[in-house]
Amino acid sequence: MRALRVGWLLGACVATFSAAPLPSRAAVPAEPPVPVLVELFTSEGCSSCPPADQLLIELVRTRFIAGAQIVALSEHVDYWNQLGWTDPFSSSQFSERQTAYGRALHDEVYTPQVIVNGRVAAVGSNRAEVLDAVRSVTDKPFASMQLSWTPELRIEMPATRLTAGADVYVAITEDGLKSTVRRGENEGRELEHVAVTRRLTRIGATSREGSFSQTVPIAPMLDPAWRRDALRVVVFLQTKGGVVGVSAVPVATHNSQLTTNR
């Protein structure tokens, strides 16, 4: 495995992987689960990333983990592209977002890396670390929001001190993506991905009181090549202290309504 650094923030690719099983789907907590945003910074050019990609798939499929409802973003960075394989899902936007997290959290930047609710970093392939990071945020204050199709996406956020002045982001993710890697550290491997972030857009900010109400045209954000039945819209609120609200709805549920459970 080749070490990689980009500036002083980008650390070596980490290869930690624990075999501890995930909790079963049946172990859903009695209390309503807390929505938690799990961002995985990964790359098809990194030999340590496929185990993290698989762990994210398991988290998404299990959905309810340690009192949390998992909402995932797989963000493919581009700083591995120079080493022989250009990740087709990579973007400099995600590399920059990860670098910003490194500064905010005073932590190294590496792949695979998980950031939970913008607050806690973990090695993306280490189950124990990732689950501990998820558990560590489930008791934090979290805001609810309402998403509905009208027929465009309508976002409604009541006023709360927690969300005052928060940035509002909309992400489009796609599940079930695969690549056959032809060069680089993963040469010859077929890689599977879930919740691949196709688009991430800041659409505004909440008011000083924390409220937000906006109708967002989703159709212009979609590429015809993306499989509609595999797409989700993720909406989250982010302050300097971290993510304080998140919800998601499948694009296929257009004209139906989804409300978060908190």
C-alpha atoms as a PDB file:
ATOM      1  CA  MET A   1       0.000   0.000   0.000  1.00  0.00           C
ATOM      2  CA  ARG A   2       1.350   3.405  -0.963  1.00  0.00           C
ATOM      3  CA  ALA A   3       1.276   6.262   1.552  1.00  0.00           C
ATOM      4  CA  LEU A   4      -0.258   9.482   0.284  1.00  0.00           C
ATOM      5  CA  ARG A   5      -0.115  13.050   1.554  1.00  0.00           C
ATOM      6  CA  VAL A   6      -1.633  16.209   0.093  1.00  0.00           C
ATOM      7  CA  GLY A   7      -0.255  19.231   1.930  1.00  0.00           C
ATOM      8  CA  TRP A   8       0.262  18.903   5.652  1.00  0.00           C
ATOM      9  CA  LEU A   9      -3.300  17.761   6.303  1.00  0.00           C
ATOM     10  CA  LEU A  10      -3.547  14.615   4.197  1.00  0.00           C
ATOM     11  CA  GLY A  11      -2.357  11.523   6.019  1.00  0.00           C
ATOM     12  CA  ALA A  12      -1.597   8.008   4.922  1.00  0.00           C
ATOM     13  CA  CYS A  13      -4.287   5.605   3.796  1.00  0.00           C
ATOM     14  CA  VAL A  14      -5.342   3.654   6.908  1.00  0.00           C
ATOM     15  CA  ALA A  15      -5.863  -0.098   6.844  1.00  0.00           C
ATOM     16  CA  THR A  16      -7.571  -0.848  10.171  1.00  0.00           C
ATOM     17  CA  PHE A  17     -10.460  -3.324   9.959  1.00  0.00           C
ATOM     18  CA  SER A  18     -12.248  -5.070  12.808  1.00  0.00           C
ATOM     19  CA  ALA A  19     -14.378  -8.166  12.394  1.00  0.00           C
ATOM     20  CA  ALA A  20     -16.893  -7.308  15.126  1.00  0.00           C
ATOM     21  CA  PRO A  21     -20.426  -7.925  13.784  1.00  0.00           C
ATOM     22  CA  LEU A  22     -22.957  -5.174  13.394  1.00  0.00           C
ATOM     23  CA  PRO A  23     -26.058  -5.290  15.605  1.00  0.00           C
ATOM     24  CA  SER A  24     -28.897  -7.211  13.981  1.00  0.00           C
ATOM     25  CA  ARG A  25     -31.755  -5.440  12.229  1.00  0.00           C
ATOM     26  CA  ALA A  26     -34.074  -6.777  14.951  1.00  0.00           C
ATOM     27  CA  ALA A  27     -32.231  -4.807  17.648  1.00  0.00           C
ATOM     28  CA  VAL A  28     -34.130  -1.569  16.993  1.00  0.00           C
ATOM     29  CA  PRO A  29     -34.248   0.575  20.144  1.00  0.00           C
ATOM     30  CA  ALA A  30     -37.548   1.200  21.917  1.00  0.00           C
ATOM     31  CA  GLU A  31     -37.059   4.969  21.772  1.00  0.00           C
ATOM     32  CA  PRO A  32     -37.275   6.682  18.371  1.00  0.00           C
ATOM     33  CA  PRO A  33     -33.825   6.519  16.763  1.00  0.00           C
ATOM     34  CA  VAL A  34     -31.871   9.718  16.300  1.00  0.00           C
ATOM     35  CA  PRO A  35     -31.048  10.571  12.666  1.00  0.00           C
ATOM     36  CA  VAL A  36     -27.255  10.603  12.291  1.00  0.00           C
ATOM     37  CA  LEU A  37     -25.255  11.760   9.265  1.00  0.00           C
ATOM     38  CA  VAL A  38     -22.354   9.421   8.447  1.00  0.00           C
ATOM     39  CA  GLU A  39     -19.976  10.845   5.833  1.00  0.00           C
ATOM     40  CA  LEU A  40     -17.403   8.463   4.364  1.00  0.00           C
ATOM     41  CA  PHE A  41     -14.428   9.988   2.557  1.00  0.00           C
ATOM     42  CA  THR A  42     -13.163   7.256   0.267  1.00  0.00           C
ATOM     43  CA  SER A  43     -11.459   6.565  -3.070  1.00  0.00           C
ATOM     44  CA  GLU A  44     -11.324   3.728  -5.565  1.00  0.00           C
ATOM     45  CA  GLY A  45      -7.582   4.401  -5.800  1.00  0.00           C
ATOM     46  CA  CYS A  46      -6.980   3.527  -2.134  1.00  0.00           C
ATOM     47  CA  SER A  47      -6.410  -0.150  -1.308  1.00  0.00           C
ATOM     48  CA  SER A  48      -7.693   0.324   2.258  1.00  0.00           C
ATOM     49  CA  CYS A  49     -11.013   1.852   1.163  1.00  0.00           C
ATOM     50  CA  PRO A  50     -13.017  -1.167  -0.083  1.00  0.00           C
ATOM     51  CA  PRO A  51     -13.549  -2.509   3.481  1.00  0.00           C
ATOM     52  CA  ALA A  52     -14.886   0.921   4.467  1.00  0.00           C
ATOM     53  CA  ASP A  53     -17.196   0.943   1.438  1.00  0.00           C
ATOM     54  CA  GLN A  54     -18.518  -2.455   2.513  1.00  0.00           C
ATOM     55  CA  LEU A  55     -19.011  -1.294   6.099  1.00  0.00           C
ATOM     56  CA  LEU A  56     -21.034   1.686   4.872  1.00  0.00           C
ATOM     57  CA  ILE A  57     -23.184  -0.676   2.790  1.00  0.00           C
ATOM     58  CA  GLU A  58     -23.913  -2.715   5.928  1.00  0.00           C
ATOM     59  CA  LEU A  59     -24.712   0.401   7.958  1.00  0.00           C
ATOM     60  CA  VAL A  60     -27.125   1.650   5.307  1.00  0.00           C
ATOM     61  CA  ARG A  61     -28.819  -1.719   4.912  1.00  0.00           C
ATOM     62  CA  THR A  62     -29.144  -2.192   8.659  1.00  0.00           C
ATOM     63  CA  ARG A  63     -30.425   1.409   9.013  1.00  0.00           C
ATOM     64  CA  PHE A  64     -30.810   1.397  12.811  1.00  0.00           C
ATOM     65  CA  ILE A  65     -27.555   1.185  14.757  1.00  0.00           C
ATOM     66  CA  ALA A  66     -26.948   1.909  18.451  1.00  0.00           C
ATOM     67  CA  GLY A  67     -30.010   4.139  18.811  1.00  0.00           C
ATOM     68  CA  ALA A  68     -29.313   5.921  15.523  1.00  0.00           C
ATOM     69  CA  GLN A  69     -30.987   6.048  12.138  1.00  0.00           C
ATOM     70  CA  ILE A  70     -28.147   6.129   9.636  1.00  0.00           C
ATOM     71  CA  VAL A  71     -28.190   8.685   6.825  1.00  0.00           C
ATOM     72  CA  ALA A  72     -25.090   8.195   4.675  1.00  0.00           C
ATOM     73  CA  LEU A  73     -23.006  10.233   2.254  1.00  0.00           C
ATOM     74  CA  SER A  74     -20.157   8.497   0.410  1.00  0.00           C
ATOM     75  CA  GLU A  75     -17.881  11.300  -0.779  1.00  0.00           C
ATOM     76  CA  HIS A  76     -15.131  10.216  -3.166  1.00  0.00           C
ATOM     77  CA  VAL A  77     -12.040  12.426  -2.929  1.00  0.00           C
ATOM     78  CA  ASP A  78      -9.837  13.180  -5.931  1.00  0.00           C
ATOM     79  CA  TYR A  79      -6.340  13.298  -4.423  1.00  0.00           C
ATOM     80  CA  TRP A  80      -5.770   9.590  -5.182  1.00  0.00           C
ATOM     81  CA  ASN A  81      -6.465  10.062  -8.904  1.00  0.00           C
ATOM     82  CA  GLN A  82      -2.844  10.958  -9.649  1.00  0.00           C
ATOM     83  CA  LEU A  83      -1.673   7.450  -8.711  1.00  0.00           C
ATOM     84  CA  GLY A  84      -2.963   5.533 -11.713  1.00  0.00           C
ATOM     85  CA  TRP A  85      -6.756   5.306 -11.424  1.00  0.00           C
ATOM     86  CA  THR A  86      -9.244   8.144 -11.820  1.00  0.00           C
ATOM     87  CA  ASP A  87     -12.186   7.447  -9.521  1.00  0.00           C
ATOM     88  CA  PRO A  88     -15.288   8.110 -11.671  1.00  0.00           C
ATOM     89  CA  PHE A  89     -17.209   9.401  -8.626  1.00  0.00           C
ATOM     90  CA  SER A  90     -14.473  11.667  -7.287  1.00  0.00           C
ATOM     91  CA  SER A  91     -14.596  15.438  -6.932  1.00  0.00           C
ATOM     92  CA  SER A  92     -12.306  18.148  -5.636  1.00  0.00           C
ATOM     93  CA  GLN A  93     -15.359  19.445  -3.746  1.00  0.00           C
ATOM     94  CA  PHE A  94     -15.232  16.423  -1.450  1.00  0.00           C
ATOM     95  CA  SER A  95     -11.465  16.703  -0.964  1.00  0.00           C
ATOM     96  CA  GLU A  96     -11.980  20.329   0.078  1.00  0.00           C
ATOM     97  CA  ARG A  97     -14.829  19.386   2.411  1.00  0.00           C
ATOM     98  CA  GLN A  98     -12.654  16.767   4.080  1.00  0.00           C
ATOM     99  CA  THR A  99      -9.798  19.244   4.437  1.00  0.00           C
ATOM    100  CA  ALA A 100     -12.190  21.696   6.097  1.00  0.00           C
ATOM    101  CA  TYR A 101     -13.161  18.983   8.565  1.00  0.00           C
ATOM    102  CA  GLY A 102      -9.484  18.365   9.289  1.00  0.00           C
ATOM    103  CA  ARG A 103      -9.054  22.007  10.240  1.00  0.00           C
ATOM    104  CA  ALA A 104     -12.272  22.159  12.268  1.00  0.00           C
ATOM    105  CA  LEU A 105     -11.607  18.938  14.186  1.00  0.00           C
ATOM    106  CA  HIS A 106      -7.824  19.432  14.477  1.00  0.00           C
ATOM    107  CA  ASP A 107      -7.397  15.966  13.026  1.00  0.00           C
ATOM    108  CA  GLU A 108      -5.500  14.256  10.216  1.00  0.00           C
ATOM    109  CA  VAL A 109      -7.148  13.839   6.846  1.00  0.00           C
ATOM    110  CA  TYR A 110      -6.871  10.353   5.350  1.00  0.00           C
ATOM    111  CA  THR A 111      -8.792   7.659   3.521  1.00  0.00           C
ATOM    112  CA  PRO A 112     -10.930   5.913   4.462  1.00  0.00           C
ATOM    113  CA  GLN A 113     -12.269   8.405   6.990  1.00  0.00           C
ATOM    114  CA  VAL A 114     -15.732   8.692   8.521  1.00  0.00           C
ATOM    115  CA  ILE A 115     -17.082  11.916   9.986  1.00  0.00           C
ATOM    116  CA  VAL A 116     -20.221  11.525  12.122  1.00  0.00           C
ATOM    117  CA  ASN A 117     -22.530  14.552  12.371  1.00  0.00           C
ATOM    118  CA  GLY A 118     -19.595  16.772  11.481  1.00  0.00           C
ATOM    119  CA  ARG A 119     -18.289  16.253  15.020  1.00  0.00           C
ATOM    120  CA  VAL A 120     -16.416  12.959  15.390  1.00  0.00           C
ATOM    121  CA  ALA A 121     -13.817  11.345  13.111  1.00  0.00           C
ATOM    122  CA  ALA A 122     -13.152   7.606  12.833  1.00  0.00           C
ATOM    123  CA  VAL A 123     -11.204   5.228  10.614  1.00  0.00           C
ATOM    124  CA  GLY A 124     -13.792   4.319   8.014  1.00  0.00           C
ATOM    125  CA  SER A 125     -12.952   0.606   7.916  1.00  0.00           C
ATOM    126  CA  ASN A 126     -12.891   0.126  11.703  1.00  0.00           C
ATOM    127  CA  ARG A 127     -16.354  -1.053  12.815  1.00  0.00           C
ATOM    128  CA  ALA A 128     -15.742  -0.471  16.487  1.00  0.00           C
ATOM    129  CA  GLU A 129     -14.523   3.101  15.945  1.00  0.00           C
ATOM    130  CA  VAL A 130     -17.371   3.958  13.603  1.00  0.00           C
ATOM    131  CA  LEU A 131     -20.038   2.528  15.907  1.00  0.00           C
ATOM    132  CA  ASP A 132     -18.503   4.321  18.902  1.00  0.00           C
ATOM    133  CA  ALA A 133     -18.584   7.564  16.930  1.00  0.00           C
ATOM    134  CA  VAL A 134     -22.264   7.007  16.113  1.00  0.00           C
ATOM    135  CA  ARG A 135     -23.092   6.243  19.742  1.00  0.00           C
ATOM    136  CA  SER A 136     -21.249   9.345  20.905  1.00  0.00           C
ATOM    137  CA  VAL A 137     -23.661  11.699  19.121  1.00  0.00           C
ATOM    138  CA  THR A 138     -27.021  10.079  19.822  1.00  0.00           C
ATOM    139  CA  ASP A 139     -27.471  12.025  23.062  1.00  0.00           C
ATOM    140  CA  LYS A 140     -26.716  15.400  21.467  1.00  0.00           C
ATOM    141  CA  PRO A 141     -29.567  17.876  20.776  1.00  0.00           C
ATOM    142  CA  PHE A 142     -30.933  17.358  17.296  1.00  0.00           C
ATOM    143  CA  ALA A 143     -33.555  19.245  15.307  1.00  0.00           C
ATOM    144  CA  SER A 144     -36.443  17.839  13.298  1.00  0.00           C
ATOM    145  CA  MET A 145     -37.456  18.941   9.822  1.00  0.00           C
ATOM    146  CA  GLN A 146     -40.219  18.091   7.389  1.00  0.00           C
ATOM    147  CA  LEU A 147     -39.679  17.118   3.764  1.00  0.00           C
ATOM    148  CA  SER A 148     -42.573  16.880   1.335  1.00  0.00           C
ATOM    149  CA  TRP A 149     -43.153  16.831  -2.417  1.00  0.00           C
ATOM    150  CA  THR A 150     -45.366  19.712  -3.598  1.00  0.00           C
ATOM    151  CA  PRO A 151     -44.477  18.491  -6.369  1.00  0.00           C
ATOM    152  CA  GLU A 152     -41.015  20.031  -5.838  1.00  0.00           C
ATOM    153  CA  LEU A 153     -39.197  19.307  -2.589  1.00  0.00           C
ATOM    154  CA  ARG A 154     -40.523  21.436   0.259  1.00  0.00           C
ATOM    155  CA  ILE A 155     -38.298  21.872   3.322  1.00  0.00           C
ATOM    156  CA  GLU A 156     -39.855  23.145   6.556  1.00  0.00           C
ATOM    157  CA  MET A 157     -37.791  23.815   9.667  1.00  0.00           C
ATOM    158  CA  PRO A 158     -39.326  25.290  12.855  1.00  0.00           C
ATOM    159  CA  ALA A 159     -37.447  27.970  14.763  1.00  0.00           C
ATOM    160  CA  THR A 160     -35.065  26.646  17.413  1.00  0.00           C
ATOM    161  CA  ARG A 161     -31.943  28.107  19.011  1.00  0.00           C
ATOM    162  CA  LEU A 162     -30.074  24.962  18.000  1.00  0.00           C
ATOM    163  CA  THR A 163     -30.431  25.666  14.274  1.00  0.00           C
ATOM    164  CA  ALA A 164     -30.023  29.459  14.285  1.00  0.00           C
ATOM    165  CA  GLY A 165     -27.804  30.540  11.390  1.00  0.00           C
ATOM    166  CA  ALA A 166     -27.183  26.977  10.165  1.00  0.00           C
ATOM    167  CA  ASP A 167     -26.159  26.313   6.562  1.00  0.00           C
ATOM    168  CA  VAL A 168     -28.720  24.197   4.686  1.00  0.00           C
ATOM    169  CA  TYR A 169     -27.380  21.567   2.272  1.00  0.00           C
ATOM    170  CA  VAL A 170     -29.080  19.319  -0.249  1.00  0.00           C
ATOM    171  CA  ALA A 171     -27.266  16.190  -1.441  1.00  0.00           C
ATOM    172  CA  ILE A 172     -28.276  13.734  -4.149  1.00  0.00           C
ATOM    173  CA  THR A 173     -26.996  10.195  -3.556  1.00  0.00           C
ATOM    174  CA  GLU A 174     -27.133   7.056  -5.670  1.00  0.00           C
ATOM    175  CA  ASP A 175     -27.046   3.444  -4.469  1.00  0.00           C
ATOM    176  CA  GLY A 176     -25.929   0.257  -6.185  1.00  0.00           C
ATOM    177  CA  LEU A 177     -22.965   1.646  -8.117  1.00  0.00           C
ATOM    178  CA  LYS A 178     -20.097  -0.613  -9.208  1.00  0.00           C
ATOM    179  CA  SER A 179     -16.719  -0.141 -10.878  1.00  0.00           C
ATOM    180  CA  THR A 180     -14.141  -2.501 -12.317  1.00  0.00           C
ATOM    181  CA  VAL A 181     -10.828  -0.877 -11.424  1.00  0.00           C
ATOM    182  CA  ARG A 182      -8.247  -1.278 -14.177  1.00  0.00           C
ATOM    183  CA  ARG A 183      -5.219   0.452 -12.671  1.00  0.00           C
ATOM    184  CA  GLY A 184      -3.785   1.578  -9.352  1.00  0.00           C
ATOM    185  CA  GLU A 185      -3.821  -0.108  -5.952  1.00  0.00           C
ATOM    186  CA  ASN A 186      -7.190  -1.824  -6.540  1.00  0.00           C
ATOM    187  CA  GLU A 187      -6.389  -3.032 -10.059  1.00  0.00           C
ATOM    188  CA  GLY A 188      -8.574  -5.967 -11.101  1.00  0.00           C
ATOM    189  CA  ARG A 189     -11.135  -5.512  -8.322  1.00  0.00           C
ATOM    190  CA  GLU A 190     -14.838  -4.863  -8.770  1.00  0.00           C
ATOM    191  CA  LEU A 191     -15.917  -2.320  -6.168  1.00  0.00           C
ATOM    192  CA  GLU A 192     -19.448  -1.728  -4.917  1.00  0.00           C
ATOM    193  CA  HIS A 193     -20.716   1.539  -3.447  1.00  0.00           C
ATOM    194  CA  VAL A 194     -23.774   2.881  -1.675  1.00  0.00           C
ATOM    195  CA  ALA A 195     -24.970   6.450  -1.041  1.00  0.00           C
ATOM    196  CA  VAL A 196     -22.486   7.865  -3.561  1.00  0.00           C
ATOM    197  CA  THR A 197     -22.807  11.648  -3.388  1.00  0.00           C
ATOM    198  CA  ARG A 198     -23.603  12.775  -6.904  1.00  0.00           C
ATOM    199  CA  ARG A 199     -24.286  16.388  -5.996  1.00  0.00           C
ATOM    200  CA  LEU A 200     -23.862  18.486  -2.842  1.00  0.00           C
ATOM    201  CA  THR A 201     -25.287  22.005  -2.815  1.00  0.00           C
ATOM    202  CA  ARG A 202     -25.650  24.671  -0.167  1.00  0.00           C
ATOM    203  CA  ILE A 203     -29.096  26.148  -0.775  1.00  0.00           C
ATOM    204  CA  GLY A 204     -29.208  28.776   1.975  1.00  0.00           C
ATOM    205  CA  ALA A 205     -29.224  29.283   5.722  1.00  0.00           C
ATOM    206  CA  THR A 206     -31.750  29.263   8.521  1.00  0.00           C
ATOM    207  CA  SER A 207     -32.959  32.522  10.047  1.00  0.00           C
ATOM    208  CA  ARG A 208     -31.541  34.065  13.211  1.00  0.00           C
ATOM    209  CA  GLU A 209     -34.328  32.241  15.023  1.00  0.00           C
ATOM    210  CA  GLY A 210     -33.420  28.948  13.350  1.00  0.00           C
ATOM    211  CA  SER A 211     -36.389  28.584  10.999  1.00  0.00           C
ATOM    212  CA  PHE A 212     -36.196  27.650   7.320  1.00  0.00           C
ATOM    213  CA  SER A 213     -38.859  27.248   4.650  1.00  0.00           C
ATOM    214  CA  GLN A 214     -38.047  26.740   0.998  1.00  0.00           C
ATOM    215  CA  THR A 215     -39.197  24.875  -2.087  1.00  0.00           C
ATOM    216  CA  VAL A 216     -36.280  23.303  -3.956  1.00  0.00           C
ATOM    217  CA  PRO A 217     -36.526  22.163  -7.603  1.00  0.00           C
ATOM    218  CA  ILE A 218     -34.851  18.748  -7.563  1.00  0.00           C
ATOM    219  CA  ALA A 219     -35.225  17.837 -11.253  1.00  0.00           C
ATOM    220  CA  PRO A 220     -32.504  20.286 -12.426  1.00  0.00           C
ATOM    221  CA  MET A 221     -30.085  18.633  -9.976  1.00  0.00           C
ATOM    222  CA  LEU A 222     -30.520  15.193 -11.560  1.00  0.00           C
ATOM    223  CA  ASP A 223     -28.509  13.684 -14.401  1.00  0.00           C
ATOM    224  CA  PRO A 224     -30.560  11.502 -16.796  1.00  0.00           C
ATOM    225  CA  ALA A 225     -27.835   8.841 -16.534  1.00  0.00           C
ATOM    226  CA  TRP A 226     -28.526   8.355 -12.829  1.00  0.00           C
ATOM    227  CA  ARG A 227     -31.009   5.598 -11.962  1.00  0.00           C
ATOM    228  CA  ARG A 228     -34.036   7.363 -10.508  1.00  0.00           C
ATOM    229  CA  ASP A 229     -35.089   4.410  -8.331  1.00  0.00           C
ATOM    230  CA  ALA A 230     -31.634   4.415  -6.679  1.00  0.00           C
ATOM    231  CA  LEU A 231     -31.554   8.131  -5.832  1.00  0.00           C
ATOM    232  CA  ARG A 232     -32.136   9.802  -2.482  1.00  0.00           C
ATOM    233  CA  VAL A 233     -32.328  13.435  -1.464  1.00  0.00           C
ATOM    234  CA  VAL A 234     -30.495  14.183   1.791  1.00  0.00           C
ATOM    235  CA  VAL A 235     -31.093  17.510   3.518  1.00  0.00           C
ATOM    236  CA  PHE A 236     -28.935  18.540   6.464  1.00  0.00           C
ATOM    237  CA  LEU A 237     -28.257  21.584   8.616  1.00  0.00           C
ATOM    238  CA  GLN A 238     -24.671  22.365   9.585  1.00  0.00           C
ATOM    239  CA  THR A 239     -23.244  24.886  12.030  1.00  0.00           C
ATOM    240  CA  LYS A 240     -19.668  25.460  13.167  1.00  0.00           C
ATOM    241  CA  GLY A 241     -20.399  22.940  15.924  1.00  0.00           C
ATOM    242  CA  GLY A 242     -21.500  20.194  13.559  1.00  0.00           C
ATOM    243  CA  VAL A 243     -24.595  18.773  11.872  1.00  0.00           C
ATOM    244  CA  VAL A 244     -27.710  19.624  13.891  1.00  0.00           C
ATOM    245  CA  GLY A 245     -30.421  18.152  11.674  1.00  0.00           C
ATOM    246  CA  VAL A 246     -30.712  15.648   8.830  1.00  0.00           C
ATOM    247  CA  SER A 247     -33.459  13.937   6.882  1.00  0.00           C
ATOM    248  CA  ALA A 248     -33.674  11.976   3.637  1.00  0.00           C
ATOM    249  CA  VAL A 249     -36.309  10.915   1.141  1.00  0.00           C
ATOM    250  CA  PRO A 250     -36.087   8.658  -1.930  1.00  0.00           C
ATOM    251  CA  VAL A 251     -36.579  10.454  -5.229  1.00  0.00           C
ATOM    252  CA  ALA A 252     -38.903   7.586  -6.175  1.00  0.00           C
ATOM    253  CA  THR A 253     -41.367   8.772  -3.481  1.00  0.00           C
ATOM    254  CA  HIS A 254     -42.067  11.949  -5.437  1.00  0.00           C
ATOM    255  CA  ASN A 255     -45.541  13.296  -4.565  1.00  0.00           C
ATOM    256  CA  SER A 256     -45.492  11.541  -1.188  1.00  0.00           C
ATOM    257  CA  GLN A 257     -44.469  12.984   2.165  1.00  0.00           C
ATOM    258  CA  LEU A 258     -41.783  11.973   4.623  1.00  0.00           C
ATOM    259  CA  THR A 259     -41.291  13.414   8.096  1.00  0.00           C
ATOM    260  CA  THR A 260     -38.313  12.718  10.339  1.00  0.00           C
ATOM    261  CA  ASN A 261     -38.944  10.763  13.503  1.00  0.00           C
ATOM    262  CA  ARG A 262     -37.631  13.414  15.873  1.00  0.00           C
END
